[in-house]
Amino acid sequence: MSPEWRRGYAPVIAVYPEVSIRRGRPDDLGWASAAVINTDRAAFAALVADEARSIRDCWADEPRPYVAATRALQHYAYYAALAVAGAVSRRQLDPEPTSERLRSPAE
């Protein structure tokens, strides 16, 4: 992982230390991409089943199907957004180094 790539994701990792961001395409990392989840019923069912298992482990109760599906999609979208936010925040939200932003206009 390049230092620039690591710096781009540092703000995300600082706020969410439990998140592990790895470079690569979802299918290269053993995950189903959003395109696959959208078109492959078995992939979507596996995503929902995994979330249902997580809910059962946490709450010791069987979740309603729409609850498991909603939570699965929300979690997928949330972490996908975090992965995108790291790269975007470094370039767009903080385009100048801190020292440049703090320099007086008179200097």
Protein backbone atom coordinates (compact mmCIF):
# COMPACT_ATOMS: atom_id res chain seq x y z
CA MET A 1 0.00 0.00 0.00
CA SER A 2 1.49 3.33 -1.06
CA PRO A 3 2.03 6.12 1.50
CA GLU A 4 -0.31 8.41 -0.46
CA TRP A 5 -3.07 5.78 -0.47
CA ARG A 6 -2.57 5.22 3.27
CA ARG A 7 -2.73 9.00 3.95
CA GLY A 8 -5.96 9.26 1.96
CA TYR A 9 -7.65 6.74 4.24
CA ALA A 10 -6.05 7.91 7.50
CA PRO A 11 -9.04 10.15 8.43
CA VAL A 12 -11.47 7.25 7.98
CA ILE A 13 -9.29 4.80 9.90
CA ALA A 14 -8.78 7.36 12.70
CA VAL A 15 -12.53 7.70 13.22
CA TYR A 16 -13.33 4.02 12.60
CA PRO A 17 -10.31 2.01 13.84
CA GLU A 18 -12.32 -1.23 13.63
CA VAL A 19 -12.59 -0.80 9.85
CA SER A 20 -9.97 -2.48 7.71
CA ILE A 21 -9.68 -0.86 4.30
CA ARG A 22 -7.85 -2.92 1.71
CA ARG A 23 -7.08 -1.92 -1.83
CA GLY A 24 -8.73 -4.01 -4.53
CA ARG A 25 -11.98 -4.86 -6.21
CA PRO A 26 -14.66 -6.52 -4.04
CA ASP A 27 -14.51 -9.82 -5.90
CA ASP A 28 -10.70 -9.88 -5.62
CA LEU A 29 -11.12 -9.69 -1.83
CA GLY A 30 -13.75 -12.44 -1.62
CA TRP A 31 -16.71 -10.06 -1.36
CA ALA A 32 -19.68 -9.71 -3.66
CA SER A 33 -19.77 -6.44 -5.54
CA ALA A 34 -22.90 -4.30 -5.59
CA ALA A 35 -23.44 -5.38 -9.22
CA VAL A 36 -23.37 -9.04 -8.19
CA ILE A 37 -25.68 -8.47 -5.21
CA ASN A 38 -28.07 -6.65 -7.55
CA THR A 39 -28.19 -9.41 -10.19
CA ASP A 40 -27.41 -12.67 -8.36
CA ARG A 41 -30.20 -13.82 -6.04
CA ALA A 42 -27.89 -16.31 -4.30
CA ALA A 43 -25.35 -13.56 -3.51
CA PHE A 44 -28.09 -11.33 -2.11
CA ALA A 45 -29.51 -14.24 -0.09
CA ALA A 46 -26.03 -14.96 1.32
CA LEU A 47 -25.63 -11.29 2.33
CA VAL A 48 -29.02 -11.29 4.07
CA ALA A 49 -28.35 -14.68 5.73
CA ASP A 50 -25.06 -13.39 7.11
CA GLU A 51 -26.81 -10.33 8.55
CA ALA A 52 -29.59 -12.50 10.00
CA ARG A 53 -26.93 -14.64 11.68
CA SER A 54 -25.32 -11.51 13.11
CA ILE A 55 -28.68 -10.30 14.46
CA ARG A 56 -29.39 -13.72 16.02
CA ASP A 57 -25.94 -13.76 17.66
CA CYS A 58 -26.42 -10.27 19.07
CA TRP A 59 -30.09 -10.37 20.10
CA ALA A 60 -30.74 -14.11 20.53
CA ASP A 61 -33.86 -13.72 18.43
CA GLU A 62 -34.83 -14.55 14.86
CA PRO A 63 -35.02 -11.34 12.78
CA ARG A 64 -37.90 -10.68 10.42
CA PRO A 65 -36.72 -11.10 6.80
CA TYR A 66 -37.19 -7.43 5.88
CA VAL A 67 -35.18 -6.37 8.95
CA ALA A 68 -32.24 -8.60 8.00
CA ALA A 69 -32.38 -7.42 4.38
CA THR A 70 -32.59 -3.74 5.32
CA ARG A 71 -29.71 -3.98 7.79
CA ALA A 72 -27.59 -5.95 5.32
CA LEU A 73 -28.01 -3.34 2.60
CA GLN A 74 -27.47 -0.48 5.06
CA HIS A 75 -24.23 -2.01 6.34
CA TYR A 76 -23.01 -2.75 2.83
CA ALA A 77 -23.72 0.81 1.67
CA TYR A 78 -22.27 2.34 4.84
CA TYR A 79 -18.91 0.60 4.52
CA ALA A 80 -18.77 1.18 0.78
CA ALA A 81 -19.32 4.90 1.45
CA LEU A 82 -16.49 4.88 4.00
CA ALA A 83 -14.17 3.32 1.45
CA VAL A 84 -15.02 6.04 -1.06
CA ALA A 85 -14.88 8.83 1.54
CA GLY A 86 -11.23 8.22 2.38
CA ALA A 87 -10.05 8.80 -1.15
CA VAL A 88 -12.38 11.75 -1.69
CA SER A 89 -11.68 13.48 1.64
CA ARG A 90 -7.94 13.58 1.09
CA ARG A 91 -8.22 15.24 -2.33
CA GLN A 92 -11.34 17.38 -2.03
CA LEU A 93 -11.95 18.18 1.61
CA ASP A 94 -8.33 18.90 2.52
CA PRO A 95 -6.56 19.77 -0.74
CA GLU A 96 -3.83 21.86 0.94
CA PRO A 97 -1.41 20.74 3.62
CA THR A 98 -2.23 22.14 7.07
CA SER A 99 0.85 24.38 7.04
CA GLU A 100 -0.39 26.07 3.85
CA ARG A 101 -3.85 26.71 5.32
CA LEU A 102 -2.42 28.24 8.49
CA ARG A 103 0.02 30.57 6.74
CA SER A 104 -0.81 34.25 7.08
CA PRO A 105 -1.77 36.03 3.83
CA ALA A 106 0.84 38.65 4.66
CA GLU A 107 3.68 36.11 4.49
